[in-house]
PDB file of N, CA and C in Angstrom:
ATOM      1  N   MET A   1      92.343 109.744  98.177  1.00  0.00           N
ATOM      2  CA  MET A   1      93.121 109.624  99.385  1.00  0.00           C
ATOM      3  C   MET A   1      92.860 108.248  99.980  1.00  0.00           C
ATOM      4  N   THR A   2      93.915 107.545 100.295  1.00  0.00           N
ATOM      5  CA  THR A   2      93.820 106.256 100.978  1.00  0.00           C
ATOM      6  C   THR A   2      94.249 106.484 102.417  1.00  0.00           C
ATOM      7  N   LEU A   3      93.405 106.092 103.353  1.00  0.00           N
ATOM      8  CA  LEU A   3      93.638 106.352 104.767  1.00  0.00           C
ATOM      9  C   LEU A   3      93.799 105.027 105.502  1.00  0.00           C
ATOM     10  N   VAL A   4      94.867 104.911 106.294  1.00  0.00           N
ATOM     11  CA  VAL A   4      95.128 103.710 107.090  1.00  0.00           C
ATOM     12  C   VAL A   4      95.129 104.127 108.552  1.00  0.00           C
ATOM     13  N   THR A   5      94.243 103.532 109.335  1.00  0.00           N
ATOM     14  CA  THR A   5      94.162 103.860 110.766  1.00  0.00           C
ATOM     15  C   THR A   5      94.432 102.605 111.587  1.00  0.00           C
ATOM     16  N   GLY A   6      94.664 102.801 112.881  1.00  0.00           N
ATOM     17  CA  GLY A   6      94.854 101.680 113.792  1.00  0.00           C
ATOM     18  C   GLY A   6      96.230 101.042 113.718  1.00  0.00           C
ATOM     19  N   VAL A   7      97.190 101.753 113.158  1.00  0.00           N
ATOM     20  CA  VAL A   7      98.549 101.225 113.029  1.00  0.00           C
ATOM     21  C   VAL A   7      99.294 101.446 114.350  1.00  0.00           C
ATOM     22  N   PRO A   8      99.986 100.425 114.845  1.00  0.00           N
ATOM     23  CA  PRO A   8     100.771 100.629 116.059  1.00  0.00           C
ATOM     24  C   PRO A   8     101.801 101.755 115.855  1.00  0.00           C
ATOM     25  N   PRO A   9     101.899 102.683 116.790  1.00  0.00           N
ATOM     26  CA  PRO A   9     102.823 103.811 116.638  1.00  0.00           C
ATOM     27  C   PRO A   9     104.264 103.385 116.344  1.00  0.00           C
ATOM     28  N   ALA A  10     104.681 102.260 116.882  1.00  0.00           N
ATOM     29  CA  ALA A  10     106.053 101.803 116.658  1.00  0.00           C
ATOM     30  C   ALA A  10     106.291 101.414 115.197  1.00  0.00           C
ATOM     31  N   ASP A  11     105.245 101.043 114.474  1.00  0.00           N
ATOM     32  CA  ASP A  11     105.369 100.622 113.077  1.00  0.00           C
ATOM     33  C   ASP A  11     105.059 101.731 112.079  1.00  0.00           C
ATOM     34  N   ALA A  12     104.517 102.832 112.538  1.00  0.00           N
ATOM     35  CA  ALA A  12     103.977 103.854 111.652  1.00  0.00           C
ATOM     36  C   ALA A  12     105.006 104.419 110.668  1.00  0.00           C
ATOM     37  N   ALA A  13     106.165 104.821 111.130  1.00  0.00           N
ATOM     38  CA  ALA A  13     107.158 105.440 110.232  1.00  0.00           C
ATOM     39  C   ALA A  13     107.601 104.467 109.139  1.00  0.00           C
ATOM     40  N   ARG A  14     107.826 103.221 109.514  1.00  0.00           N
ATOM     41  CA  ARG A  14     108.237 102.215 108.525  1.00  0.00           C
ATOM     42  C   ARG A  14     107.122 101.974 107.513  1.00  0.00           C
ATOM     43  N   LEU A  15     105.876 101.890 107.997  1.00  0.00           N
ATOM     44  CA  LEU A  15     104.753 101.638 107.096  1.00  0.00           C
ATOM     45  C   LEU A  15     104.518 102.798 106.139  1.00  0.00           C
ATOM     46  N   VAL A  16     104.673 104.028 106.609  1.00  0.00           N
ATOM     47  CA  VAL A  16     104.519 105.182 105.710  1.00  0.00           C
ATOM     48  C   VAL A  16     105.507 105.066 104.556  1.00  0.00           C
ATOM     49  N   ARG A  17     106.752 104.767 104.857  1.00  0.00           N
ATOM     50  CA  ARG A  17     107.770 104.630 103.798  1.00  0.00           C
ATOM     51  C   ARG A  17     107.409 103.513 102.825  1.00  0.00           C
ATOM     52  N   GLU A  18     107.030 102.355 103.360  1.00  0.00           N
ATOM     53  CA  GLU A  18     106.707 101.210 102.510  1.00  0.00           C
ATOM     54  C   GLU A  18     105.472 101.469 101.656  1.00  0.00           C
ATOM     55  N   LEU A  19     104.434 102.040 102.246  1.00  0.00           N
ATOM     56  CA  LEU A  19     103.205 102.292 101.499  1.00  0.00           C
ATOM     57  C   LEU A  19     103.405 103.353 100.425  1.00  0.00           C
ATOM     58  N   ARG A  20     104.210 104.363 100.709  1.00  0.00           N
ATOM     59  CA  ARG A  20     104.521 105.362  99.679  1.00  0.00           C
ATOM     60  C   ARG A  20     105.264 104.719  98.523  1.00  0.00           C
ATOM     61  N   ARG A  21     106.172 103.797  98.828  1.00  0.00           N
ATOM     62  CA  ARG A  21     106.936 103.118  97.785  1.00  0.00           C
ATOM     63  C   ARG A  21     106.016 102.224  96.949  1.00  0.00           C
ATOM     64  N   ILE A  22     105.180 101.455  97.606  1.00  0.00           N
ATOM     65  CA  ILE A  22     104.276 100.539  96.907  1.00  0.00           C
ATOM     66  C   ILE A  22     103.284 101.300  96.028  1.00  0.00           C
ATOM     67  N   ALA A  23     102.749 102.395  96.533  1.00  0.00           N
ATOM     68  CA  ALA A  23     101.753 103.165  95.793  1.00  0.00           C
ATOM     69  C   ALA A  23     102.390 104.121  94.783  1.00  0.00           C
ATOM     70  N   ALA A  24     103.690 104.329  94.878  1.00  0.00           N
ATOM     71  CA  ALA A  24     104.380 105.310  94.033  1.00  0.00           C
ATOM     72  C   ALA A  24     103.674 106.661  94.124  1.00  0.00           C
ATOM     73  N   ALA A  25     103.379 107.042  95.368  1.00  0.00           N
ATOM     74  CA  ALA A  25     102.645 108.285  95.606  1.00  0.00           C
ATOM     75  C   ALA A  25     103.148 108.915  96.900  1.00  0.00           C
ATOM     76  N   GLY A  26     102.757 110.151  97.103  1.00  0.00           N
ATOM     77  CA  GLY A  26     103.110 110.846  98.329  1.00  0.00           C
ATOM     78  C   GLY A  26     102.255 110.364  99.482  1.00  0.00           C
ATOM     79  N   GLY A  27     102.695 110.636 100.671  1.00  0.00           N
ATOM     80  CA  GLY A  27     101.927 110.248 101.845  1.00  0.00           C
ATOM     81  C   GLY A  27     102.571 110.781 103.101  1.00  0.00           C
ATOM     82  N   ALA A  28     101.809 110.725 104.193  1.00  0.00           N
ATOM     83  CA  ALA A  28     102.309 111.252 105.462  1.00  0.00           C
ATOM     84  C   ALA A  28     101.542 110.629 106.617  1.00  0.00           C
ATOM     85  N   MET A  29     102.083 110.792 107.809  1.00  0.00           N
ATOM     86  CA  MET A  29     101.419 110.378 109.042  1.00  0.00           C
ATOM     87  C   MET A  29     100.776 111.617 109.630  1.00  0.00           C
ATOM     88  N   ARG A  30      99.458 111.579 109.789  1.00  0.00           N
ATOM     89  CA  ARG A  30      98.743 112.736 110.341  1.00  0.00           C
ATOM     90  C   ARG A  30      97.665 112.258 111.301  1.00  0.00           C
ATOM     91  N   ALA A  31      97.640 112.829 112.465  1.00  0.00           N
ATOM     92  CA  ALA A  31      96.596 112.557 113.468  1.00  0.00           C
ATOM     93  C   ALA A  31      96.335 111.065 113.640  1.00  0.00           C
ATOM     94  N   ALA A  32      97.370 110.299 113.893  1.00  0.00           N
ATOM     95  CA  ALA A  32      97.281 108.856 114.159  1.00  0.00           C
ATOM     96  C   ALA A  32      96.751 108.054 112.975  1.00  0.00           C
ATOM     97  N   ALA A  33      96.900 108.582 111.762  1.00  0.00           N
ATOM     98  CA  ALA A  33      96.495 107.852 110.554  1.00  0.00           C
ATOM     99  C   ALA A  33      97.541 108.074 109.468  1.00  0.00           C
ATOM    100  N   ILE A  34      97.693 107.088 108.614  1.00  0.00           N
ATOM    101  CA  ILE A  34      98.590 107.219 107.471  1.00  0.00           C
ATOM    102  C   ILE A  34      97.751 107.632 106.271  1.00  0.00           C
ATOM    103  N   GLU A  35      98.146 108.704 105.595  1.00  0.00           N
ATOM    104  CA  GLU A  35      97.457 109.186 104.407  1.00  0.00           C
ATOM    105  C   GLU A  35      98.353 108.949 103.202  1.00  0.00           C
ATOM    106  N   ILE A  36      97.813 108.262 102.195  1.00  0.00           N
ATOM    107  CA  ILE A  36      98.515 108.037 100.942  1.00  0.00           C
ATOM    108  C   ILE A  36      97.695 108.713  99.852  1.00  0.00           C
ATOM    109  N   GLN A  37      98.340 109.507  99.027  1.00  0.00           N
ATOM    110  CA  GLN A  37      97.630 110.244  97.981  1.00  0.00           C
ATOM    111  C   GLN A  37      97.141 109.297  96.897  1.00  0.00           C
ATOM    112  N   GLY A  38      95.843 109.390  96.577  1.00  0.00           N
ATOM    113  CA  GLY A  38      95.255 108.568  95.531  1.00  0.00           C
ATOM    114  C   GLY A  38      94.519 107.362  96.103  1.00  0.00           C
ATOM    115  N   ASP A  39      93.814 106.650  95.221  1.00  0.00           N
ATOM    116  CA  ASP A  39      93.052 105.468  95.620  1.00  0.00           C
ATOM    117  C   ASP A  39      93.921 104.237  95.414  1.00  0.00           C
ATOM    118  N   HIS A  40      94.547 103.773  96.489  1.00  0.00           N
ATOM    119  CA  HIS A  40      95.460 102.631  96.442  1.00  0.00           C
ATOM    120  C   HIS A  40      95.019 101.543  97.407  1.00  0.00           C
ATOM    121  N   ARG A  41      93.713 101.446  97.645  1.00  0.00           N
ATOM    122  CA  ARG A  41      93.202 100.495  98.639  1.00  0.00           C
ATOM    123  C   ARG A  41      93.653  99.069  98.380  1.00  0.00           C
ATOM    124  N   GLU A  42      93.530  98.613  97.147  1.00  0.00           N
ATOM    125  CA  GLU A  42      93.855  97.218  96.850  1.00  0.00           C
ATOM    126  C   GLU A  42      95.316  96.899  97.147  1.00  0.00           C
ATOM    127  N   ALA A  43      96.215  97.779  96.736  1.00  0.00           N
ATOM    128  CA  ALA A  43      97.640  97.552  96.982  1.00  0.00           C
ATOM    129  C   ALA A  43      97.959  97.631  98.469  1.00  0.00           C
ATOM    130  N   VAL A  44      97.344  98.574  99.168  1.00  0.00           N
ATOM    131  CA  VAL A  44      97.578  98.731 100.607  1.00  0.00           C
ATOM    132  C   VAL A  44      97.045  97.518 101.367  1.00  0.00           C
ATOM    133  N   VAL A  45      95.839  97.069 101.028  1.00  0.00           N
ATOM    134  CA  VAL A  45      95.257  95.895 101.686  1.00  0.00           C
ATOM    135  C   VAL A  45      96.136  94.669 101.454  1.00  0.00           C
ATOM    136  N   ARG A  46      96.571  94.476 100.234  1.00  0.00           N
ATOM    137  CA  ARG A  46      97.420  93.321  99.911  1.00  0.00           C
ATOM    138  C   ARG A  46      98.719  93.370 100.726  1.00  0.00           C
ATOM    139  N   PHE A  47      99.378  94.534 100.751  1.00  0.00           N
ATOM    140  CA  PHE A  47     100.636  94.663 101.482  1.00  0.00           C
ATOM    141  C   PHE A  47     100.444  94.427 102.982  1.00  0.00           C
ATOM    142  N   LEU A  48      99.428  95.064 103.572  1.00  0.00           N
ATOM    143  CA  LEU A  48      99.217  94.923 105.010  1.00  0.00           C
ATOM    144  C   LEU A  48      98.829  93.497 105.375  1.00  0.00           C
ATOM    145  N   SER A  49      98.008  92.853 104.560  1.00  0.00           N
ATOM    146  CA  SER A  49      97.624  91.459 104.823  1.00  0.00           C
ATOM    147  C   SER A  49      98.835  90.546 104.767  1.00  0.00           C
ATOM    148  N   GLU A  50      99.666  90.729 103.756  1.00  0.00           N
ATOM    149  CA  GLU A  50     100.875  89.915 103.622  1.00  0.00           C
ATOM    150  C   GLU A  50     101.867  90.175 104.747  1.00  0.00           C
ATOM    151  N   SER A  51     101.788  91.367 105.349  1.00  0.00           N
ATOM    152  CA  SER A  51     102.691  91.727 106.445  1.00  0.00           C
ATOM    153  C   SER A  51     102.165  91.275 107.803  1.00  0.00           C
ATOM    154  N   GLY A  52     100.994  90.637 107.819  1.00  0.00           N
ATOM    155  CA  GLY A  52     100.469  90.094 109.062  1.00  0.00           C
ATOM    156  C   GLY A  52      99.483  90.979 109.805  1.00  0.00           C
ATOM    157  N   TYR A  53      99.066  92.083 109.197  1.00  0.00           N
ATOM    158  CA  TYR A  53      98.095  92.967 109.843  1.00  0.00           C
ATOM    159  C   TYR A  53      96.685  92.501 109.512  1.00  0.00           C
ATOM    160  N   ARG A  54      95.756  92.712 110.431  1.00  0.00           N
ATOM    161  CA  ARG A  54      94.347  92.438 110.183  1.00  0.00           C
ATOM    162  C   ARG A  54      93.770  93.675 109.490  1.00  0.00           C
ATOM    163  N   VAL A  55      93.129  93.485 108.350  1.00  0.00           N
ATOM    164  CA  VAL A  55      92.692  94.594 107.507  1.00  0.00           C
ATOM    165  C   VAL A  55      91.176  94.597 107.379  1.00  0.00           C
ATOM    166  N   LYS A  56      90.596  95.788 107.464  1.00  0.00           N
ATOM    167  CA  LYS A  56      89.172  95.975 107.248  1.00  0.00           C
ATOM    168  C   LYS A  56      88.998  97.166 106.314  1.00  0.00           C
ATOM    169  N   ILE A  57      88.289  96.952 105.211  1.00  0.00           N
ATOM    170  CA  ILE A  57      88.058  98.036 104.249  1.00  0.00           C
ATOM    171  C   ILE A  57      86.788  98.765 104.642  1.00  0.00           C
ATOM    172  N   ALA A  58      86.857 100.094 104.646  1.00  0.00           N
ATOM    173  CA  ALA A  58      85.695 100.917 104.982  1.00  0.00           C
ATOM    174  C   ALA A  58      85.494 101.957 103.884  1.00  0.00           C
ATOM    175  N   GLY A  59      84.294 102.406 103.728  1.00  0.00           N
ATOM    176  CA  GLY A  59      84.018 103.465 102.752  1.00  0.00           C
ATOM    177  C   GLY A  59      83.757 102.908 101.370  1.00  0.00           C
ATOM    178  N   GLY A  60      83.549 103.839 100.430  1.00  0.00           N
ATOM    179  CA  GLY A  60      83.148 103.415  99.077  1.00  0.00           C
ATOM    180  C   GLY A  60      84.228 103.509  98.124  1.00  0.00           C
TER     181      GLY A  60
END
């Protein structure tokens, strides 16, 4: 599971769609976090960084 937190609510729906497309996996917005099925940290970090978001990787 790849979890993205701290996303502005106004951007959340668009980001869920984009991240699901990039990861070619299912995902949803739950409890103020975006959940993408599977370990897609590298792709998510790359996409968010290129989109202008400040990214911090947490966990193992």
